[in-house]
Amino acid sequence: ATIFQGFTKPGTLYPDNAGKQVYVVRPRYNSEYIWNIPALQKIG
């Protein structure tokens, strides 16, 4: 917030975040979470 001085951490974060901010986007659902689950599990 000292560099991005107008950015405000959301007062309510998404429940799955466990209080942490977002840093990556999940791979595309309909190609990866349907067909490629074992590979997804390897990277968490």
All heavy atoms as atom14 arrays in JSON, in Angstrom:
{
  "sequence": "ATIFQGFTKPGTLYPDNAGKQVYVVRPRYNSEYIWNIPALQKIG",
  "atom14_mask": [
    [1, 1, 1, 1, 1, 0, 0, 0, 0, 0, 0, 0, 0, 0],
    [1, 1, 1, 1, 1, 1, 1, 0, 0, 0, 0, 0, 0, 0],
    [1, 1, 1, 1, 1, 1, 1, 1, 0, 0, 0, 0, 0, 0],
    [1, 1, 1, 1, 1, 1, 1, 1, 1, 1, 1, 0, 0, 0],
    [1, 1, 1, 1, 1, 1, 1, 1, 1, 0, 0, 0, 0, 0],
    [1, 1, 1, 1, 0, 0, 0, 0, 0, 0, 0, 0, 0, 0],
    [1, 1, 1, 1, 1, 1, 1, 1, 1, 1, 1, 0, 0, 0],
    [1, 1, 1, 1, 1, 1, 1, 0, 0, 0, 0, 0, 0, 0],
    [1, 1, 1, 1, 1, 1, 1, 1, 1, 0, 0, 0, 0, 0],
    [1, 1, 1, 1, 1, 1, 1, 0, 0, 0, 0, 0, 0, 0],
    [1, 1, 1, 1, 0, 0, 0, 0, 0, 0, 0, 0, 0, 0],
    [1, 1, 1, 1, 1, 1, 1, 0, 0, 0, 0, 0, 0, 0],
    [1, 1, 1, 1, 1, 1, 1, 1, 0, 0, 0, 0, 0, 0],
    [1, 1, 1, 1, 1, 1, 1, 1, 1, 1, 1, 1, 0, 0],
    [1, 1, 1, 1, 1, 1, 1, 0, 0, 0, 0, 0, 0, 0],
    [1, 1, 1, 1, 1, 1, 1, 1, 0, 0, 0, 0, 0, 0],
    [1, 1, 1, 1, 1, 1, 1, 1, 0, 0, 0, 0, 0, 0],
    [1, 1, 1, 1, 1, 0, 0, 0, 0, 0, 0, 0, 0, 0],
    [1, 1, 1, 1, 0, 0, 0, 0, 0, 0, 0, 0, 0, 0],
    [1, 1, 1, 1, 1, 1, 1, 1, 1, 0, 0, 0, 0, 0],
    [1, 1, 1, 1, 1, 1, 1, 1, 1, 0, 0, 0, 0, 0],
    [1, 1, 1, 1, 1, 1, 1, 0, 0, 0, 0, 0, 0, 0],
    [1, 1, 1, 1, 1, 1, 1, 1, 1, 1, 1, 1, 0, 0],
    [1, 1, 1, 1, 1, 1, 1, 0, 0, 0, 0, 0, 0, 0],
    [1, 1, 1, 1, 1, 1, 1, 0, 0, 0, 0, 0, 0, 0],
    [1, 1, 1, 1, 1, 1, 1, 1, 1, 1, 1, 0, 0, 0],
    [1, 1, 1, 1, 1, 1, 1, 0, 0, 0, 0, 0, 0, 0],
    [1, 1, 1, 1, 1, 1, 1, 1, 1, 1, 1, 0, 0, 0],
    [1, 1, 1, 1, 1, 1, 1, 1, 1, 1, 1, 1, 0, 0],
    [1, 1, 1, 1, 1, 1, 1, 1, 0, 0, 0, 0, 0, 0],
    [1, 1, 1, 1, 1, 1, 0, 0, 0, 0, 0, 0, 0, 0],
    [1, 1, 1, 1, 1, 1, 1, 1, 1, 0, 0, 0, 0, 0],
    [1, 1, 1, 1, 1, 1, 1, 1, 1, 1, 1, 1, 0, 0],
    [1, 1, 1, 1, 1, 1, 1, 1, 0, 0, 0, 0, 0, 0],
    [1, 1, 1, 1, 1, 1, 1, 1, 1, 1, 1, 1, 1, 1],
    [1, 1, 1, 1, 1, 1, 1, 1, 0, 0, 0, 0, 0, 0],
    [1, 1, 1, 1, 1, 1, 1, 1, 0, 0, 0, 0, 0, 0],
    [1, 1, 1, 1, 1, 1, 1, 0, 0, 0, 0, 0, 0, 0],
    [1, 1, 1, 1, 1, 0, 0, 0, 0, 0, 0, 0, 0, 0],
    [1, 1, 1, 1, 1, 1, 1, 1, 0, 0, 0, 0, 0, 0],
    [1, 1, 1, 1, 1, 1, 1, 1, 1, 0, 0, 0, 0, 0],
    [1, 1, 1, 1, 1, 1, 1, 1, 1, 0, 0, 0, 0, 0],
    [1, 1, 1, 1, 1, 1, 1, 1, 0, 0, 0, 0, 0, 0],
    [1, 1, 1, 1, 0, 0, 0, 0, 0, 0, 0, 0, 0, 0]
  ],
  "atom14_positions": [
    [[0.81, -1.22, 0.0], [0.0, 0.0, 0.0], [0.84, 1.27, 0.0], [0.32, 2.36, -0.22], [-0.95, 0.01, 1.19], [0.0, 0.0, 0.0], [0.0, 0.0, 0.0], [0.0, 0.0, 0.0], [0.0, 0.0, 0.0], [0.0, 0.0, 0.0], [0.0, 0.0, 0.0], [0.0, 0.0, 0.0], [0.0, 0.0, 0.0], [0.0, 0.0, 0.0]],
    [[2.14, 1.16, 0.23], [3.0, 2.34, 0.13], [3.43, 2.6, -1.31], [3.89, 3.7, -1.63], [4.27, 2.18, 1.0], [5.09, 1.14, 0.48], [3.9, 1.89, 2.44], [0.0, 0.0, 0.0], [0.0, 0.0, 0.0], [0.0, 0.0, 0.0], [0.0, 0.0, 0.0], [0.0, 0.0, 0.0], [0.0, 0.0, 0.0], [0.0, 0.0, 0.0]],
    [[3.25, 1.59, -2.16], [3.56, 1.74, -3.59], [2.28, 1.93, -4.38], [2.19, 2.83, -5.22], [4.36, 0.53, -4.09], [5.74, 0.52, -3.42], [4.52, 0.58, -5.62], [6.57, -0.7, -3.73], [0.0, 0.0, 0.0], [0.0, 0.0, 0.0], [0.0, 0.0, 0.0], [0.0, 0.0, 0.0], [0.0, 0.0, 0.0], [0.0, 0.0, 0.0]],
    [[1.3, 1.09, -4.14], [-0.03, 1.24, -4.76], [-0.93, 1.87, -3.71], [-1.67, 1.19, -2.99], [-0.53, -0.12, -5.24], [0.38, -0.74, -6.26], [1.33, -1.68, -5.88], [0.33, -0.35, -7.59], [2.2, -2.23, -6.81], [1.18, -0.9, -8.53], [2.13, -1.84, -8.14], [0.0, 0.0, 0.0], [0.0, 0.0, 0.0], [0.0, 0.0, 0.0]],
    [[-0.86, 3.19, -3.64], [-1.4, 3.91, -2.49], [-2.92, 3.98, -2.44], [-3.48, 4.36, -1.42], [-0.78, 5.31, -2.46], [0.72, 5.27, -2.26], [1.4, 6.58, -2.62], [0.93, 7.34, -3.46], [2.52, 6.85, -1.99], [0.0, 0.0, 0.0], [0.0, 0.0, 0.0], [0.0, 0.0, 0.0], [0.0, 0.0, 0.0], [0.0, 0.0, 0.0]],
    [[-3.56, 3.61, -3.52], [-5.01, 3.6, -3.51], [-5.6, 2.21, -3.49], [-6.83, 2.05, -3.47], [0.0, 0.0, 0.0], [0.0, 0.0, 0.0], [0.0, 0.0, 0.0], [0.0, 0.0, 0.0], [0.0, 0.0, 0.0], [0.0, 0.0, 0.0], [0.0, 0.0, 0.0], [0.0, 0.0, 0.0], [0.0, 0.0, 0.0], [0.0, 0.0, 0.0]],
    [[-4.74, 1.19, -3.48], [-5.23, -0.18, -3.42], [-5.62, -0.52, -1.99], [-4.86, -0.3, -1.06], [-4.17, -1.17, -3.91], [-4.65, -2.58, -4.03], [-5.06, -3.08, -5.26], [-4.72, -3.42, -2.92], [-5.54, -4.38, -5.37], [-5.18, -4.72, -3.02], [-5.6, -5.2, -4.25], [0.0, 0.0, 0.0], [0.0, 0.0, 0.0], [0.0, 0.0, 0.0]],
    [[-6.83, -1.05, -1.84], [-7.34, -1.4, -0.52], [-7.64, -2.89, -0.48], [-8.44, -3.4, -1.29], [-8.63, -0.63, -0.19], [-8.38, 0.77, -0.31], [-9.11, -0.95, 1.2], [0.0, 0.0, 0.0], [0.0, 0.0, 0.0], [0.0, 0.0, 0.0], [0.0, 0.0, 0.0], [0.0, 0.0, 0.0], [0.0, 0.0, 0.0], [0.0, 0.0, 0.0]],
    [[-7.0, -3.61, 0.43], [-7.3, -5.03, 0.58], [-8.78, -5.2, 0.89], [-9.31, -4.54, 1.79], [-6.46, -5.64, 1.7], [-6.69, -7.12, 1.9], [-5.82, -7.67, 3.02], [-6.09, -9.15, 3.26], [-5.25, -9.7, 4.35], [0.0, 0.0, 0.0], [0.0, 0.0, 0.0], [0.0, 0.0, 0.0], [0.0, 0.0, 0.0], [0.0, 0.0, 0.0]],
    [[-9.48, -6.05, 0.13], [-10.91, -6.22, 0.38], [-11.22, -6.57, 1.82], [-10.54, -7.42, 2.42], [-11.29, -7.37, -0.57], [-10.27, -7.31, -1.66], [-9.0, -6.88, -0.99], [0.0, 0.0, 0.0], [0.0, 0.0, 0.0], [0.0, 0.0, 0.0], [0.0, 0.0, 0.0], [0.0, 0.0, 0.0], [0.0, 0.0, 0.0], [0.0, 0.0, 0.0]],
    [[-12.21, -5.92, 2.36], [-12.6, -6.2, 3.75], [-13.11, -7.6, 3.94], [-13.0, -8.18, 5.02], [0.0, 0.0, 0.0], [0.0, 0.0, 0.0], [0.0, 0.0, 0.0], [0.0, 0.0, 0.0], [0.0, 0.0, 0.0], [0.0, 0.0, 0.0], [0.0, 0.0, 0.0], [0.0, 0.0, 0.0], [0.0, 0.0, 0.0], [0.0, 0.0, 0.0]],
    [[-13.68, -8.16, 2.87], [-14.16, -9.54, 2.91], [-13.51, -10.29, 1.75], [-13.77, -9.97, 0.58], [-15.69, -9.62, 2.76], [-16.29, -8.85, 3.8], [-16.16, -11.06, 2.85], [0.0, 0.0, 0.0], [0.0, 0.0, 0.0], [0.0, 0.0, 0.0], [0.0, 0.0, 0.0], [0.0, 0.0, 0.0], [0.0, 0.0, 0.0], [0.0, 0.0, 0.0]],
    [[-12.68, -11.26, 2.07], [-12.07, -12.08, 1.04], [-12.9, -13.34, 0.82], [-13.67, -13.76, 1.68], [-10.64, -12.47, 1.45], [-9.6, -11.33, 1.44], [-8.32, -11.78, 2.14], [-9.3, -10.89, 0.01], [0.0, 0.0, 0.0], [0.0, 0.0, 0.0], [0.0, 0.0, 0.0], [0.0, 0.0, 0.0], [0.0, 0.0, 0.0], [0.0, 0.0, 0.0]],
    [[-12.75, -13.94, -0.34], [-13.44, -15.18, -0.69], [-13.13, -16.24, 0.38], [-11.98, -16.36, 0.83], [-12.96, -15.63, -2.07], [-13.68, -16.81, -2.65], [-15.03, -16.74, -2.98], [-13.0, -18.01, -2.9], [-15.68, -17.83, -3.55], [-13.64, -19.1, -3.46], [-14.99, -19.0, -3.77], [-15.63, -20.07, -4.34], [0.0, 0.0, 0.0], [0.0, 0.0, 0.0]],
    [[-14.13, -17.0, 0.81], [-13.91, -17.95, 1.91], [-12.75, -18.92, 1.71], [-12.01, -19.2, 2.66], [-15.26, -18.69, 1.99], [-16.25, -17.7, 1.48], [-15.55, -16.94, 0.39], [0.0, 0.0, 0.0], [0.0, 0.0, 0.0], [0.0, 0.0, 0.0], [0.0, 0.0, 0.0], [0.0, 0.0, 0.0], [0.0, 0.0, 0.0], [0.0, 0.0, 0.0]],
    [[-12.56, -19.41, 0.5], [-11.49, -20.37, 0.25], [-10.1, -19.77, 0.38], [-9.1, -20.5, 0.47], [-11.63, -20.99, -1.14], [-12.77, -22.0, -1.22], [-13.37, -22.29, -0.17], [-13.08, -22.47, -2.33], [0.0, 0.0, 0.0], [0.0, 0.0, 0.0], [0.0, 0.0, 0.0], [0.0, 0.0, 0.0], [0.0, 0.0, 0.0], [0.0, 0.0, 0.0]],
    [[-10.01, -18.45, 0.39], [-8.7, -17.8, 0.47], [-8.03, -17.98, 1.82], [-6.82, -17.81, 1.94], [-8.82, -16.29, 0.2], [-9.19, -15.97, -1.23], [-9.89, -16.72, -1.88], [-8.69, -14.85, -1.73], [0.0, 0.0, 0.0], [0.0, 0.0, 0.0], [0.0, 0.0, 0.0], [0.0, 0.0, 0.0], [0.0, 0.0, 0.0], [0.0, 0.0, 0.0]],
    [[-8.8, -18.27, 2.83], [-8.27, -18.41, 4.19], [-7.5, -17.16, 4.61], [-6.43, -17.24, 5.23], [-7.38, -19.66, 4.28], [0.0, 0.0, 0.0], [0.0, 0.0, 0.0], [0.0, 0.0, 0.0], [0.0, 0.0, 0.0], [0.0, 0.0, 0.0], [0.0, 0.0, 0.0], [0.0, 0.0, 0.0], [0.0, 0.0, 0.0], [0.0, 0.0, 0.0]],
    [[-8.06, -16.01, 4.24], [-7.47, -14.74, 4.64], [-6.33, -14.24, 3.77], [-5.78, -13.16, 4.02], [0.0, 0.0, 0.0], [0.0, 0.0, 0.0], [0.0, 0.0, 0.0], [0.0, 0.0, 0.0], [0.0, 0.0, 0.0], [0.0, 0.0, 0.0], [0.0, 0.0, 0.0], [0.0, 0.0, 0.0], [0.0, 0.0, 0.0], [0.0, 0.0, 0.0]],
    [[-5.97, -15.0, 2.73], [-4.85, -14.64, 1.87], [-5.35, -13.98, 0.59], [-6.47, -14.24, 0.14], [-4.03, -15.88, 1.53], [-3.37, -16.54, 2.73], [-2.79, -17.89, 2.38], [-3.88, -18.93, 2.12], [-3.32, -20.28, 1.88], [0.0, 0.0, 0.0], [0.0, 0.0, 0.0], [0.0, 0.0, 0.0], [0.0, 0.0, 0.0], [0.0, 0.0, 0.0]],
    [[-4.5, -13.15, -0.02], [-4.87, -12.48, -1.27], [-4.58, -13.36, -2.48], [-3.79, -14.31, -2.41], [-4.15, -11.13, -1.38], [-4.65, -10.12, -0.36], [-4.22, -8.72, -0.68], [-3.25, -8.23, -0.11], [-4.92, -8.05, -1.58], [0.0, 0.0, 0.0], [0.0, 0.0, 0.0], [0.0, 0.0, 0.0], [0.0, 0.0, 0.0], [0.0, 0.0, 0.0]],
    [[-5.2, -13.04, -3.59], [-5.07, -13.83, -4.8], [-3.73, -13.57, -5.48], [-3.27, -12.43, -5.54], [-6.24, -13.55, -5.76], [-6.22, -12.11, -6.28], [-6.26, -14.54, -6.92], [0.0, 0.0, 0.0], [0.0, 0.0, 0.0], [0.0, 0.0, 0.0], [0.0, 0.0, 0.0], [0.0, 0.0, 0.0], [0.0, 0.0, 0.0], [0.0, 0.0, 0.0]],
    [[-3.11, -14.63, -6.02], [-1.81, -14.49, -6.68], [-1.72, -15.2, -8.03], [-0.86, -14.86, -8.84], [-0.68, -14.97, -5.77], [-0.16, -13.9, -4.86], [-0.73, -13.7, -3.6], [0.88, -13.06, -5.24], [-0.26, -12.7, -2.75], [1.36, -12.06, -4.41], [0.79, -11.88, -3.16], [1.25, -10.89, -2.34], [0.0, 0.0, 0.0], [0.0, 0.0, 0.0]],
    [[-2.54, -16.2, -8.27], [-2.53, -16.87, -9.58], [-3.96, -17.15, -10.01], [-4.9, -17.13, -9.2], [-1.74, -18.21, -9.55], [-0.27, -17.98, -9.25], [-2.36, -19.2, -8.58], [0.0, 0.0, 0.0], [0.0, 0.0, 0.0], [0.0, 0.0, 0.0], [0.0, 0.0, 0.0], [0.0, 0.0, 0.0], [0.0, 0.0, 0.0], [0.0, 0.0, 0.0]],
    [[-4.1, -17.42, -11.3], [-5.38, -17.85, -11.85], [-5.3, -19.36, -12.06], [-4.27, -19.88, -12.5], [-5.68, -17.13, -13.19], [-6.91, -17.74, -13.87], [-5.86, -15.64, -12.94], [0.0, 0.0, 0.0], [0.0, 0.0, 0.0], [0.0, 0.0, 0.0], [0.0, 0.0, 0.0], [0.0, 0.0, 0.0], [0.0, 0.0, 0.0], [0.0, 0.0, 0.0]],
    [[-6.38, -20.03, -11.72], [-6.41, -21.48, -11.93], [-6.42, -21.81, -13.42], [-6.97, -21.05, -14.22], [-7.67, -22.08, -11.28], [-7.65, -22.0, -9.78], [-9.0, -22.35, -9.18], [-8.94, -22.26, -7.73], [-8.61, -23.26, -6.92], [-8.36, -24.45, -7.44], [-8.56, -23.1, -5.62], [0.0, 0.0, 0.0], [0.0, 0.0, 0.0], [0.0, 0.0, 0.0]],
    [[-5.85, -22.94, -13.83], [-5.95, -23.36, -15.23], [-7.42, -23.47, -15.65], [-8.31, -23.61, -14.82], [-5.26, -24.73, -15.24], [-4.31, -24.68, -14.08], [-5.02, -23.86, -13.03], [0.0, 0.0, 0.0], [0.0, 0.0, 0.0], [0.0, 0.0, 0.0], [0.0, 0.0, 0.0], [0.0, 0.0, 0.0], [0.0, 0.0, 0.0], [0.0, 0.0, 0.0]],
    [[-7.65, -23.44, -16.93], [-9.02, -23.43, -17.47], [-9.78, -24.69, -17.06], [-9.3, -25.81, -17.21], [-8.96, -23.31, -18.99], [-10.31, -23.15, -19.67], [-10.11, -22.79, -21.14], [-11.37, -22.62, -21.84], [-11.91, -23.53, -22.65], [-11.28, -24.69, -22.87], [-13.06, -23.3, -23.27], [0.0, 0.0, 0.0], [0.0, 0.0, 0.0], [0.0, 0.0, 0.0]],
    [[-10.97, -24.48, -16.55], [-11.75, -25.57, -15.98], [-12.03, -26.68, -16.99], [-11.76, -27.86, -16.72], [-13.07, -25.04, -15.41], [-13.96, -26.12, -14.87], [-13.71, -26.7, -13.64], [-15.05, -26.59, -15.61], [-14.51, -27.73, -13.14], [-15.86, -27.6, -15.13], [-15.59, -28.18, -13.9], [-16.38, -29.18, -13.41], [0.0, 0.0, 0.0], [0.0, 0.0, 0.0]],
    [[-12.59, -26.35, -18.14], [-13.1, -27.38, -19.05], [-12.03, -28.14, -19.81], [-12.35, -29.12, -20.48], [-14.1, -26.77, -20.03], [-15.52, -26.86, -19.51], [-15.96, -27.93, -19.11], [-16.22, -25.74, -19.48], [0.0, 0.0, 0.0], [0.0, 0.0, 0.0], [0.0, 0.0, 0.0], [0.0, 0.0, 0.0], [0.0, 0.0, 0.0], [0.0, 0.0, 0.0]],
    [[-10.78, -27.74, -19.72], [-9.74, -28.59, -20.29], [-8.95, -29.3, -19.2], [-8.56, -30.46, -19.37], [-8.79, -27.77, -21.17], [-8.11, -26.8, -20.41], [0.0, 0.0, 0.0], [0.0, 0.0, 0.0], [0.0, 0.0, 0.0], [0.0, 0.0, 0.0], [0.0, 0.0, 0.0], [0.0, 0.0, 0.0], [0.0, 0.0, 0.0], [0.0, 0.0, 0.0]],
    [[-8.74, -28.62, -18.08], [-7.85, -29.18, -17.07], [-8.58, -29.88, -15.93], [-8.2, -30.99, -15.54], [-6.95, -28.06, -16.51], [-6.14, -27.35, -17.59], [-5.32, -28.32, -18.43], [-4.47, -29.03, -17.86], [-5.56, -28.39, -19.66], [0.0, 0.0, 0.0], [0.0, 0.0, 0.0], [0.0, 0.0, 0.0], [0.0, 0.0, 0.0], [0.0, 0.0, 0.0]],
    [[-9.61, -29.27, -15.39], [-10.3, -29.86, -14.24], [-11.29, -30.95, -14.65], [-11.84, -31.64, -13.81], [-10.98, -28.78, -13.41], [-9.99, -27.95, -12.62], [-9.39, -26.83, -13.19], [-9.63, -28.3, -11.33], [-8.46, -26.07, -12.49], [-8.7, -27.55, -10.62], [-8.12, -26.43, -11.21], [-7.19, -25.69, -10.5], [0.0, 0.0, 0.0], [0.0, 0.0, 0.0]],
    [[-11.47, -31.13, -15.95], [-12.29, -32.23, -16.45], [-11.4, -33.4, -16.88], [-11.68, -34.56, -16.58], [-13.17, -31.78, -17.63], [-14.14, -30.68, -17.19], [-13.92, -32.96, -18.24], [-15.16, -31.14, -16.17], [0.0, 0.0, 0.0], [0.0, 0.0, 0.0], [0.0, 0.0, 0.0], [0.0, 0.0, 0.0], [0.0, 0.0, 0.0], [0.0, 0.0, 0.0]],
    [[-10.27, -33.08, -17.57], [-9.48, -34.12, -18.22], [-8.09, -34.35, -17.62], [-7.45, -35.34, -17.93], [-9.3, -33.79, -19.71], [-10.58, -33.54, -20.42], [-11.09, -32.34, -20.81], [-11.55, -34.51, -20.81], [-12.31, -32.49, -21.42], [-12.62, -33.83, -21.44], [-11.62, -35.9, -20.7], [-13.73, -34.48, -21.95], [-12.73, -36.56, -21.21], [-13.77, -35.84, -21.82]],
    [[-7.62, -33.45, -16.79], [-6.2, -33.51, -16.43], [-5.96, -33.43, -14.92], [-4.98, -32.86, -14.47], [-5.46, -32.35, -17.14], [-4.03, -32.7, -17.5], [-3.65, -33.85, -17.61], [-3.21, -31.67, -17.68], [0.0, 0.0, 0.0], [0.0, 0.0, 0.0], [0.0, 0.0, 0.0], [0.0, 0.0, 0.0], [0.0, 0.0, 0.0], [0.0, 0.0, 0.0]],
    [[-6.84, -34.02, -14.14], [-6.78, -33.93, -12.69], [-5.46, -34.45, -12.1], [-4.88, -33.79, -11.22], [-7.97, -34.66, -12.04], [-9.27, -33.89, -12.31], [-7.77, -34.84, -10.55], [-9.36, -32.56, -11.58], [0.0, 0.0, 0.0], [0.0, 0.0, 0.0], [0.0, 0.0, 0.0], [0.0, 0.0, 0.0], [0.0, 0.0, 0.0], [0.0, 0.0, 0.0]],
    [[-4.94, -35.62, -12.52], [-3.68, -36.09, -11.91], [-2.54, -35.08, -12.05], [-1.76, -34.9, -11.1], [-3.38, -37.38, -12.69], [-4.73, -37.87, -13.12], [-5.5, -36.62, -13.46], [0.0, 0.0, 0.0], [0.0, 0.0, 0.0], [0.0, 0.0, 0.0], [0.0, 0.0, 0.0], [0.0, 0.0, 0.0], [0.0, 0.0, 0.0], [0.0, 0.0, 0.0]],
    [[-2.45, -34.41, -13.18], [-1.4, -33.41, -13.37], [-1.64, -32.2, -12.48], [-0.7, -31.62, -11.93], [-1.33, -32.99, -14.84], [0.0, 0.0, 0.0], [0.0, 0.0, 0.0], [0.0, 0.0, 0.0], [0.0, 0.0, 0.0], [0.0, 0.0, 0.0], [0.0, 0.0, 0.0], [0.0, 0.0, 0.0], [0.0, 0.0, 0.0], [0.0, 0.0, 0.0]],
    [[-2.9, -31.82, -12.31], [-3.23, -30.7, -11.42], [-2.86, -31.01, -9.99], [-2.38, -30.15, -9.25], [-4.73, -30.37, -11.52], [-5.24, -29.74, -12.81], [-6.76, -29.64, -12.77], [-4.62, -28.37, -13.03], [0.0, 0.0, 0.0], [0.0, 0.0, 0.0], [0.0, 0.0, 0.0], [0.0, 0.0, 0.0], [0.0, 0.0, 0.0], [0.0, 0.0, 0.0]],
    [[-3.09, -32.24, -9.58], [-2.78, -32.63, -8.2], [-1.29, -32.51, -7.92], [-0.88, -32.14, -6.82], [-3.27, -34.05, -7.95], [-4.79, -34.18, -7.92], [-5.27, -35.61, -7.86], [-4.59, -36.52, -8.35], [-6.45, -35.82, -7.27], [0.0, 0.0, 0.0], [0.0, 0.0, 0.0], [0.0, 0.0, 0.0], [0.0, 0.0, 0.0], [0.0, 0.0, 0.0]],
    [[-0.47, -32.79, -8.92], [0.98, -32.72, -8.74], [1.46, -31.31, -8.43], [2.47, -31.13, -7.75], [1.69, -33.25, -9.99], [1.54, -34.73, -10.23], [2.24, -35.15, -11.51], [2.05, -36.63, -11.79], [2.7, -37.05, -13.06], [0.0, 0.0, 0.0], [0.0, 0.0, 0.0], [0.0, 0.0, 0.0], [0.0, 0.0, 0.0], [0.0, 0.0, 0.0]],
    [[0.75, -30.31, -8.92], [1.17, -28.92, -8.68], [0.32, -28.24, -7.61], [0.43, -27.04, -7.38], [1.15, -28.09, -9.98], [-0.28, -27.98, -10.55], [2.1, -28.67, -11.02], [-0.4, -26.97, -11.69], [0.0, 0.0, 0.0], [0.0, 0.0, 0.0], [0.0, 0.0, 0.0], [0.0, 0.0, 0.0], [0.0, 0.0, 0.0], [0.0, 0.0, 0.0]],
    [[-0.56, -29.01, -6.98], [-1.38, -28.48, -5.9], [-2.59, -27.7, -6.35], [-3.23, -27.01, -5.53], [0.0, 0.0, 0.0], [0.0, 0.0, 0.0], [0.0, 0.0, 0.0], [0.0, 0.0, 0.0], [0.0, 0.0, 0.0], [0.0, 0.0, 0.0], [0.0, 0.0, 0.0], [0.0, 0.0, 0.0], [0.0, 0.0, 0.0], [0.0, 0.0, 0.0]]
  ]
}
